[in-house]
C-alpha atoms as a PDB file:
ATOM      1  CA  MET A   1       0.069   0.197   0.210  1.00  0.00           C
ATOM      2  CA  THR A   2       1.227   3.859  -0.793  1.00  0.00           C
ATOM      3  CA  THR A   3       0.848   6.625   1.475  1.00  0.00           C
ATOM      4  CA  GLY A   4       1.996   9.832   1.702  1.00  0.00           C
ATOM      5  CA  VAL A   5       2.761  12.001   4.611  1.00  0.00           C
ATOM      6  CA  VAL A   6       2.666  16.326   3.545  1.00  0.00           C
ATOM      7  CA  VAL A   7       4.385  18.101   6.340  1.00  0.00           C
ATOM      8  CA  PHE A   8       2.998  22.013   6.962  1.00  0.00           C
ATOM      9  CA  SER A   9       5.444  24.074   9.058  1.00  0.00           C
ATOM     10  CA  ASP A  10       5.109  27.677  10.476  1.00  0.00           C
ATOM     11  CA  LEU A  11       2.411  29.277   9.609  1.00  0.00           C
ATOM     12  CA  HIS A  12       2.322  31.870  11.738  1.00  0.00           C
ATOM     13  CA  ILE A  13      -1.260  32.295  11.187  1.00  0.00           C
ATOM     14  CA  GLY A  14      -2.446  36.117  12.449  1.00  0.00           C
ATOM     15  CA  ASN A  15       0.545  36.968  11.594  1.00  0.00           C
ATOM     16  CA  MET A  16       2.081  37.946   7.975  1.00  0.00           C
ATOM     17  CA  PHE A  17       1.157  34.440   7.197  1.00  0.00           C
ATOM     18  CA  ASP A  18       2.263  34.309   2.930  1.00  0.00           C
ATOM     19  CA  PHE A  19      -1.263  32.575   2.222  1.00  0.00           C
ATOM     20  CA  TYR A  20      -0.480  32.592  -1.681  1.00  0.00           C
ATOM     21  CA  ALA A  21       3.025  30.871  -1.367  1.00  0.00           C
ATOM     22  CA  TYR A  22       1.073  28.190   1.091  1.00  0.00           C
ATOM     23  CA  TYR A  23      -1.623  27.130  -1.427  1.00  0.00           C
ATOM     24  CA  GLU A  24       0.808  26.984  -4.068  1.00  0.00           C
ATOM     25  CA  ILE A  25       3.100  24.189  -2.174  1.00  0.00           C
ATOM     26  CA  LEU A  26      -0.357  23.259  -1.322  1.00  0.00           C
ATOM     27  CA  ALA A  27      -0.809  22.180  -4.930  1.00  0.00           C
ATOM     28  CA  LEU A  28       2.901  21.154  -5.092  1.00  0.00           C
ATOM     29  CA  ALA A  29       1.632  18.022  -2.395  1.00  0.00           C
ATOM     30  CA  GLU A  30      -1.547  17.579  -4.630  1.00  0.00           C
ATOM     31  CA  LYS A  31       0.094  16.748  -7.791  1.00  0.00           C
ATOM     32  CA  VAL A  32       3.179  14.564  -6.210  1.00  0.00           C
ATOM     33  CA  MET A  33       0.389  12.717  -3.785  1.00  0.00           C
ATOM     34  CA  LYS A  34      -1.399  12.481  -7.522  1.00  0.00           C
ATOM     35  CA  ARG A  35       1.802  11.284  -9.087  1.00  0.00           C
ATOM     36  CA  HIS A  36       2.631   8.368  -7.523  1.00  0.00           C
ATOM     37  CA  LYS A  37      -1.344   7.388  -6.888  1.00  0.00           C
ATOM     38  CA  VAL A  38      -1.601   8.190  -2.968  1.00  0.00           C
ATOM     39  CA  ASN A  39      -5.000   8.134  -1.539  1.00  0.00           C
ATOM     40  CA  LYS A  40      -4.622   9.099   1.763  1.00  0.00           C
ATOM     41  CA  THR A  41      -2.716  10.773   3.173  1.00  0.00           C
ATOM     42  CA  LEU A  42      -0.739  11.654   6.606  1.00  0.00           C
ATOM     43  CA  LEU A  43      -1.183  15.720   7.394  1.00  0.00           C
ATOM     44  CA  VAL A  44       1.605  16.729   9.621  1.00  0.00           C
ATOM     45  CA  MET A  45       1.141  21.057  10.949  1.00  0.00           C
ATOM     46  CA  LEU A  46       4.548  20.367  12.346  1.00  0.00           C
ATOM     47  CA  GLY A  47       4.606  24.025  15.150  1.00  0.00           C
ATOM     48  CA  ASP A  48       3.920  27.806  14.794  1.00  0.00           C
ATOM     49  CA  VAL A  49       1.013  27.462  12.993  1.00  0.00           C
ATOM     50  CA  CYS A  50      -0.835  30.907  14.626  1.00  0.00           C
ATOM     51  CA  ASP A  51       1.162  34.063  16.499  1.00  0.00           C
ATOM     52  CA  ALA A  52      -0.234  34.953  19.600  1.00  0.00           C
ATOM     53  CA  SER A  53      -1.245  38.689  19.877  1.00  0.00           C
ATOM     54  CA  GLU A  54       1.271  41.188  21.129  1.00  0.00           C
ATOM     55  CA  ILE A  55       4.640  39.242  20.545  1.00  0.00           C
ATOM     56  CA  TYR A  56       6.138  41.856  18.575  1.00  0.00           C
ATOM     57  CA  ARG A  57       5.761  45.682  18.594  1.00  0.00           C
ATOM     58  CA  THR A  58       5.399  45.129  14.552  1.00  0.00           C
ATOM     59  CA  GLN A  59       3.508  42.241  13.536  1.00  0.00           C
ATOM     60  CA  LEU A  60       0.039  42.363  11.923  1.00  0.00           C
ATOM     61  CA  THR A  61      -1.536  40.201  14.750  1.00  0.00           C
ATOM     62  CA  LEU A  62      -5.377  39.628  15.251  1.00  0.00           C
ATOM     63  CA  ALA A  63      -5.209  41.443  18.117  1.00  0.00           C
ATOM     64  CA  GLU A  64      -8.167  39.002  19.905  1.00  0.00           C
ATOM     65  CA  ASN A  65      -6.044  34.993  20.109  1.00  0.00           C
ATOM     66  CA  ARG A  66      -9.517  33.035  19.772  1.00  0.00           C
ATOM     67  CA  LEU A  67     -10.110  34.810  16.022  1.00  0.00           C
ATOM     68  CA  GLN A  68      -6.482  33.200  14.676  1.00  0.00           C
ATOM     69  CA  ARG A  69      -7.324  29.457  15.941  1.00  0.00           C
ATOM     70  CA  TYR A  70     -10.368  29.430  13.988  1.00  0.00           C
ATOM     71  CA  ILE A  71      -8.734  30.671  10.884  1.00  0.00           C
ATOM     72  CA  ALA A  72      -5.882  28.160  11.477  1.00  0.00           C
ATOM     73  CA  ALA A  73      -8.626  25.246  11.384  1.00  0.00           C
ATOM     74  CA  ASP A  74     -10.456  26.272   8.747  1.00  0.00           C
ATOM     75  CA  ILE A  75      -7.101  26.264   6.348  1.00  0.00           C
ATOM     76  CA  ILE A  76      -6.185  23.198   8.073  1.00  0.00           C
ATOM     77  CA  ASP A  77      -9.416  21.735   7.167  1.00  0.00           C
ATOM     78  CA  GLU A  78      -9.487  22.482   3.390  1.00  0.00           C
ATOM     79  CA  THR A  79      -5.929  21.189   3.337  1.00  0.00           C
ATOM     80  CA  ALA A  80      -7.328  17.495   4.484  1.00  0.00           C
ATOM     81  CA  LYS A  81      -9.502  17.648   1.852  1.00  0.00           C
ATOM     82  CA  ARG A  82      -7.367  18.154  -0.658  1.00  0.00           C
ATOM     83  CA  LEU A  83      -4.837  15.785   0.343  1.00  0.00           C
ATOM     84  CA  LYS A  84      -7.013  13.287   1.488  1.00  0.00           C
ATOM     85  CA  ALA A  85      -5.825  12.950   5.182  1.00  0.00           C
ATOM     86  CA  TYR A  86      -6.759   9.887   6.967  1.00  0.00           C
ATOM     87  CA  LYS A  87      -5.032  11.700  10.131  1.00  0.00           C
ATOM     88  CA  ILE A  88      -3.892  14.973  11.423  1.00  0.00           C
ATOM     89  CA  LEU A  89      -0.916  15.704  13.440  1.00  0.00           C
ATOM     90  CA  VAL A  90      -0.335  19.397  15.226  1.00  0.00           C
ATOM     91  CA  LEU A  91       2.910  19.750  17.314  1.00  0.00           C
ATOM     92  CA  ALA A  92       2.615  22.770  19.243  1.00  0.00           C
ATOM     93  CA  GLY A  93       5.533  26.183  18.357  1.00  0.00           C
ATOM     94  CA  ASN A  94       7.413  28.627  20.455  1.00  0.00           C
ATOM     95  CA  HIS A  95       4.440  31.266  18.884  1.00  0.00           C
ATOM     96  CA  ASP A  96       1.944  28.805  19.926  1.00  0.00           C
ATOM     97  CA  LEU A  97       2.885  28.534  23.272  1.00  0.00           C
ATOM     98  CA  ARG A  98       3.681  32.589  24.372  1.00  0.00           C
ATOM     99  CA  LYS A  99       1.849  34.405  26.929  1.00  0.00           C
ATOM    100  CA  GLY A 100       0.561  31.077  29.074  1.00  0.00           C
ATOM    101  CA  ILE A 101      -1.917  30.560  26.345  1.00  0.00           C
ATOM    102  CA  GLU A 102      -1.831  26.855  23.425  1.00  0.00           C
ATOM    103  CA  LEU A 103      -3.673  28.016  20.022  1.00  0.00           C
ATOM    104  CA  ALA A 104      -1.434  24.880  18.752  1.00  0.00           C
ATOM    105  CA  ARG A 105      -3.475  22.758  21.534  1.00  0.00           C
ATOM    106  CA  ASP A 106      -6.936  24.547  20.793  1.00  0.00           C
ATOM    107  CA  VAL A 107      -6.825  24.632  17.058  1.00  0.00           C
ATOM    108  CA  ALA A 108      -6.677  20.734  17.664  1.00  0.00           C
ATOM    109  CA  ARG A 109      -9.422  20.767  19.922  1.00  0.00           C
ATOM    110  CA  ILE A 110     -11.491  22.659  17.028  1.00  0.00           C
ATOM    111  CA  LEU A 111     -10.333  20.240  14.691  1.00  0.00           C
ATOM    112  CA  ILE A 112     -11.614  16.796  16.731  1.00  0.00           C
ATOM    113  CA  ASP A 113     -14.825  19.291  17.784  1.00  0.00           C
ATOM    114  CA  GLU A 114     -16.410  20.763  14.905  1.00  0.00           C
ATOM    115  CA  TYR A 115     -15.362  19.050  12.082  1.00  0.00           C
ATOM    116  CA  GLY A 116     -14.478  15.088  13.348  1.00  0.00           C
ATOM    117  CA  TYR A 117     -11.177  15.216  12.299  1.00  0.00           C
ATOM    118  CA  ASN A 118      -8.571  12.101  14.029  1.00  0.00           C
ATOM    119  CA  VAL A 119      -5.950  13.994  15.884  1.00  0.00           C
ATOM    120  CA  ASP A 120      -2.907  13.734  17.186  1.00  0.00           C
ATOM    121  CA  TYR A 121      -1.175  16.397  19.204  1.00  0.00           C
ATOM    122  CA  SER A 122       1.805  17.370  20.510  1.00  0.00           C
ATOM    123  CA  GLU A 123       4.164  20.187  22.327  1.00  0.00           C
ATOM    124  CA  ASN A 124       7.409  18.330  22.460  1.00  0.00           C
ATOM    125  CA  LEU A 125       7.622  15.110  19.656  1.00  0.00           C
ATOM    126  CA  ILE A 126       5.361  12.829  18.204  1.00  0.00           C
ATOM    127  CA  VAL A 127       6.488   9.910  16.582  1.00  0.00           C
ATOM    128  CA  GLU A 128       4.412   7.684  14.207  1.00  0.00           C
ATOM    129  CA  GLU A 129       5.147   5.171  11.886  1.00  0.00           C
ATOM    130  CA  VAL A 130       3.994   5.159   8.211  1.00  0.00           C
ATOM    131  CA  GLU A 131       4.040   1.690   6.184  1.00  0.00           C
ATOM    132  CA  GLY A 132       7.000   0.085   8.196  1.00  0.00           C
ATOM    133  CA  VAL A 133       8.613   3.489   8.112  1.00  0.00           C
ATOM    134  CA  ARG A 134       9.064   5.427  11.758  1.00  0.00           C
ATOM    135  CA  PHE A 135       8.466   9.242  11.641  1.00  0.00           C
ATOM    136  CA  LEU A 136      10.167  11.754  13.743  1.00  0.00           C
ATOM    137  CA  PHE A 137       8.555  14.917  13.837  1.00  0.00           C
ATOM    138  CA  THR A 138       8.699  17.701  16.238  1.00  0.00           C
ATOM    139  CA  HIS A 139       9.249  21.357  16.024  1.00  0.00           C
ATOM    140  CA  THR A 140      12.393  22.402  17.457  1.00  0.00           C
ATOM    141  CA  MET A 141      15.549  20.520  19.588  1.00  0.00           C
ATOM    142  CA  SER A 142      16.020  24.593  20.758  1.00  0.00           C
ATOM    143  CA  ARG A 143      13.911  27.188  22.075  1.00  0.00           C
ATOM    144  CA  ARG A 144      16.491  29.348  20.648  1.00  0.00           C
ATOM    145  CA  SER A 145      16.831  30.429  17.445  1.00  0.00           C
ATOM    146  CA  ARG A 146      21.135  29.640  17.478  1.00  0.00           C
ATOM    147  CA  GLY A 147      21.774  30.818  14.733  1.00  0.00           C
ATOM    148  CA  SER A 148      19.507  29.405  12.070  1.00  0.00           C
ATOM    149  CA  TYR A 149      18.361  32.061   9.854  1.00  0.00           C
ATOM    150  CA  PHE A 150      21.350  31.225   8.958  1.00  0.00           C
ATOM    151  CA  GLY A 151      22.390  28.089   9.497  1.00  0.00           C
ATOM    152  CA  GLY A 152      19.712  26.291   8.880  1.00  0.00           C
ATOM    153  CA  LEU A 153      20.469  22.693  10.328  1.00  0.00           C
ATOM    154  CA  THR A 154      23.074  23.345  12.161  1.00  0.00           C
ATOM    155  CA  GLY A 155      25.921  21.551  14.165  1.00  0.00           C
ATOM    156  CA  TYR A 156      24.135  21.658  17.210  1.00  0.00           C
ATOM    157  CA  ILE A 157      20.389  21.015  16.227  1.00  0.00           C
ATOM    158  CA  LEU A 158      21.475  17.894  13.937  1.00  0.00           C
ATOM    159  CA  THR A 159      23.067  16.352  16.991  1.00  0.00           C
ATOM    160  CA  LYS A 160      20.601  16.451  19.354  1.00  0.00           C
ATOM    161  CA  ILE A 161      18.150  15.658  16.927  1.00  0.00           C
ATOM    162  CA  LEU A 162      20.286  12.388  15.579  1.00  0.00           C
ATOM    163  CA  TYR A 163      20.287  11.745  19.832  1.00  0.00           C
ATOM    164  CA  VAL A 164      16.379  11.316  19.582  1.00  0.00           C
ATOM    165  CA  MET A 165      16.410   9.654  16.286  1.00  0.00           C
ATOM    166  CA  VAL A 166      18.866   6.817  18.081  1.00  0.00           C
ATOM    167  CA  LYS A 167      16.056   6.881  21.321  1.00  0.00           C
ATOM    168  CA  THR A 168      13.152   6.757  19.542  1.00  0.00           C
ATOM    169  CA  LYS A 169      14.467   3.814  17.451  1.00  0.00           C
ATOM    170  CA  ALA A 170      12.845   6.808  14.369  1.00  0.00           C
ATOM    171  CA  ASP A 171      14.235   6.151  10.044  1.00  0.00           C
ATOM    172  CA  VAL A 172      13.615   9.826   9.481  1.00  0.00           C
ATOM    173  CA  ALA A 173      12.883  13.554  11.954  1.00  0.00           C
ATOM    174  CA  VAL A 174      11.413  16.521  10.659  1.00  0.00           C
ATOM    175  CA  LEU A 175      11.622  19.822  11.733  1.00  0.00           C
ATOM    176  CA  GLY A 176      10.631  23.175  12.028  1.00  0.00           C
ATOM    177  CA  HIS A 177      11.152  26.814  13.475  1.00  0.00           C
ATOM    178  CA  THR A 178      14.602  27.626  11.421  1.00  0.00           C
ATOM    179  CA  HIS A 179      12.879  29.576   8.506  1.00  0.00           C
ATOM    180  CA  LYS A 180      15.044  27.435   6.288  1.00  0.00           C
ATOM    181  CA  GLY A 181      14.523  24.299   4.553  1.00  0.00           C
ATOM    182  CA  GLY A 182      17.464  21.819   4.020  1.00  0.00           C
ATOM    183  CA  ALA A 183      17.972  18.087   4.160  1.00  0.00           C
ATOM    184  CA  TRP A 184      20.705  15.814   5.373  1.00  0.00           C
ATOM    185  CA  GLN A 185      21.827  12.687   4.251  1.00  0.00           C
ATOM    186  CA  ASP A 186      18.026  11.896   4.154  1.00  0.00           C
ATOM    187  CA  VAL A 187      17.057  11.326   7.135  1.00  0.00           C
ATOM    188  CA  VAL A 188      17.107  14.534   8.878  1.00  0.00           C
ATOM    189  CA  TYR A 189      14.597  16.790   6.670  1.00  0.00           C
ATOM    190  CA  GLN A 190      14.038  20.486   7.420  1.00  0.00           C
ATOM    191  CA  CYS A 191      11.330  22.724   6.561  1.00  0.00           C
ATOM    192  CA  SER A 192      11.142  26.495   5.888  1.00  0.00           C
ATOM    193  CA  SER A 193       8.523  29.310   7.086  1.00  0.00           C
ATOM    194  CA  PHE A 194       4.901  30.975   5.601  1.00  0.00           C
ATOM    195  CA  HIS A 195       6.211  33.574   7.863  1.00  0.00           C
ATOM    196  CA  ILE A 196       6.897  36.977   5.802  1.00  0.00           C
ATOM    197  CA  GLU A 197      10.134  39.026   7.908  1.00  0.00           C
ATOM    198  CA  SER A 198      11.059  41.868   7.244  1.00  0.00           C
ATOM    199  CA  LEU A 199      14.212  41.085   5.739  1.00  0.00           C
ATOM    200  CA  ASP A 200      12.963  38.048   4.070  1.00  0.00           C
ATOM    201  CA  ILE A 201      15.022  34.948   3.048  1.00  0.00           C
ATOM    202  CA  ASN A 202      12.048  33.960   0.466  1.00  0.00           C
ATOM    203  CA  ASP A 203      12.258  30.763   1.638  1.00  0.00           C
ATOM    204  CA  ARG A 204       9.639  28.604   0.828  1.00  0.00           C
ATOM    205  CA  THR A 205      10.720  24.865   1.509  1.00  0.00           C
ATOM    206  CA  MET A 206       7.830  21.712   2.865  1.00  0.00           C
ATOM    207  CA  TRP A 207       8.445  18.061   2.733  1.00  0.00           C
ATOM    208  CA  SER A 208       6.361  15.237   1.341  1.00  0.00           C
ATOM    209  CA  PHE A 209       6.826  11.475   1.201  1.00  0.00           C
ATOM    210  CA  VAL A 210       5.654   9.047  -0.421  1.00  0.00           C
ATOM    211  CA  VAL A 211       6.142   5.681   1.536  1.00  0.00           C
ATOM    212  CA  ASN A 212       5.415   2.002   0.384  1.00  0.00           C
ATOM    213  CA  ASN A 213       6.460  -0.924   1.225  1.00  0.00           C
ATOM    214  CA  GLY A 214       9.116   0.148   4.293  1.00  0.00           C
ATOM    215  CA  LYS A 215      10.569   2.523   1.244  1.00  0.00           C
ATOM    216  CA  ILE A 216      10.281   5.935   1.562  1.00  0.00           C
ATOM    217  CA  PHE A 217      10.302   8.127  -1.657  1.00  0.00           C
ATOM    218  CA  PRO A 218      10.961  11.738   0.446  1.00  0.00           C
ATOM    219  CA  GLU A 219      10.111  15.346  -2.367  1.00  0.00           C
ATOM    220  CA  ARG A 220      11.105  18.651  -2.019  1.00  0.00           C
ATOM    221  CA  LEU A 221       8.206  21.377  -1.770  1.00  0.00           C
ATOM    222  CA  TYR A 222       9.176  24.892  -2.914  1.00  0.00           C
ATOM    223  CA  VAL A 223       8.403  28.211  -3.812  1.00  0.00           C
ATOM    224  CA  THR A 224       9.873  31.156  -4.121  1.00  0.00           C
ATOM    225  CA  GLY A 225       8.263  33.272  -1.347  1.00  0.00           C
ATOM    226  CA  ARG A 226       7.074  36.890  -1.372  1.00  0.00           C
ATOM    227  CA  LEU A 227       8.397  40.322   0.248  1.00  0.00           C
ATOM    228  CA  TYR A 228       7.099  42.174   2.833  1.00  0.00           C
ATOM    229  CA  THR A 229       4.878  44.991   1.703  1.00  0.00           C
ATOM    230  CA  THR A 230       2.413  47.001   2.358  1.00  0.00           C
ATOM    231  CA  ASN A 231       0.361  45.982  -0.067  1.00  0.00           C
ATOM    232  CA  TYR A 232       0.823  42.608   0.786  1.00  0.00           C
ATOM    233  CA  GLN A 233       0.283  43.503   4.007  1.00  0.00           C
ATOM    234  CA  MET A 234      -3.326  44.624   3.192  1.00  0.00           C
ATOM    235  CA  GLU A 235      -4.181  41.169   1.128  1.00  0.00           C
ATOM    236  CA  ILE A 236      -3.299  39.491   3.838  1.00  0.00           C
ATOM    237  CA  THR A 237      -5.710  41.076   6.201  1.00  0.00           C
ATOM    238  CA  LYS A 238      -8.508  40.920   4.234  1.00  0.00           C
ATOM    239  CA  PHE A 239      -7.898  37.272   3.825  1.00  0.00           C
ATOM    240  CA  TYR A 240      -8.190  36.862   7.126  1.00  0.00           C
ATOM    241  CA  ILE A 241     -11.362  39.227   7.571  1.00  0.00           C
ATOM    242  CA  GLU A 242     -12.650  36.823   4.570  1.00  0.00           C
ATOM    243  CA  ARG A 243     -12.024  33.730   5.835  1.00  0.00           C
ATOM    244  CA  LEU A 244     -13.559  34.715   9.136  1.00  0.00           C
ATOM    245  CA  LEU A 245     -16.745  35.755   7.775  1.00  0.00           C
ATOM    246  CA  LYS A 246     -16.886  32.303   5.383  1.00  0.00           C
ATOM    247  CA  ILE A 247     -16.859  30.360   8.492  1.00  0.00           C
ATOM    248  CA  ARG A 248     -19.135  33.136  11.178  1.00  0.00           C
ATOM    249  CA  LYS A 249     -17.184  33.708  13.686  1.00  0.00           C
ATOM    250  CA  VAL A 250     -17.716  37.372  13.958  1.00  0.00           C
ATOM    251  CA  ASP A 251     -18.171  40.245  11.178  1.00  0.00           C
ATOM    252  CA  ARG A 252     -15.880  42.551   9.751  1.00  0.00           C
ATOM    253  CA  SER A 253     -16.716  44.799  12.346  1.00  0.00           C
ATOM    254  CA  GLN A 254     -15.594  43.483  15.430  1.00  0.00           C
ATOM    255  CA  VAL A 255     -11.630  42.396  13.984  1.00  0.00           C
ATOM    256  CA  GLN A 256      -9.304  44.262  15.575  1.00  0.00           C
ATOM    257  CA  LEU A 257      -5.531  44.054  14.457  1.00  0.00           C
ATOM    258  CA  GLU A 258      -2.212  45.393  16.398  1.00  0.00           C
ATOM    259  CA  SER A 259      -1.067  47.495  13.757  1.00  0.00           C
ATOM    260  CA  ILE A 260      -3.337  49.537  12.042  1.00  0.00           C
ATOM    261  CA  VAL A 261      -4.084  49.025   8.832  1.00  0.00           C
ATOM    262  CA  ASP A 262      -6.561  51.010   6.117  1.00  0.00           C
ATOM    263  CA  LEU A 263      -9.499  48.437   4.577  1.00  0.00           C
ATOM    264  CA  SER A 264     -11.527  50.828   3.390  1.00  0.00           C
END
């Protein structure tokens, strides 16, 4: 039997979420699954699904944290349907756990209670066996960046993840957090981010895997991300409002943003 695994990391929904790149990556994942005739997929959301409010002075974030959760769940629901997901793994990242709130956990609960998905949630790591291959999923091996914006899979991070792989008997590991994509010897895979930085790295790398009878076929999902512009900030704001109206959680007048954006 052939099973797909598709990993998305660091969406930072509620902040500067590069939604154009996200849907381009999703379309690439669909093509990979179709090419390999995959009819069921494990969908993994690898942390920093949402951004809590009041983290950074300059961020564009929905001021009321509960709204982030509903937008994230709606996007994941759409993704799961398109990829024919039989199960969803939701891991918390450092941004999901800020200020004493647990945004990723709440997203998982919404997916279970309101959308009816089979969901596993963790604030640390998940080891999941797929067709005889043991995958280790974790947001990061270090809550500090440790130069990750420039180094990606640094020696420090790689050493730690290889140690955990031995302890958990994992065959493959997939991480996020660094906002820089990459891979090490077809064993460790690093996702980048959909978060637009002021000085953007422009790397939108996610990973898909096709697994068949214990054999794994990885494929990088890559597009060039959008740069930070005032116009794109406006588009992201409108994207959030349209999503909230779609799922009927709030009307336009109730949406408050941390940064002042003209919606006229």
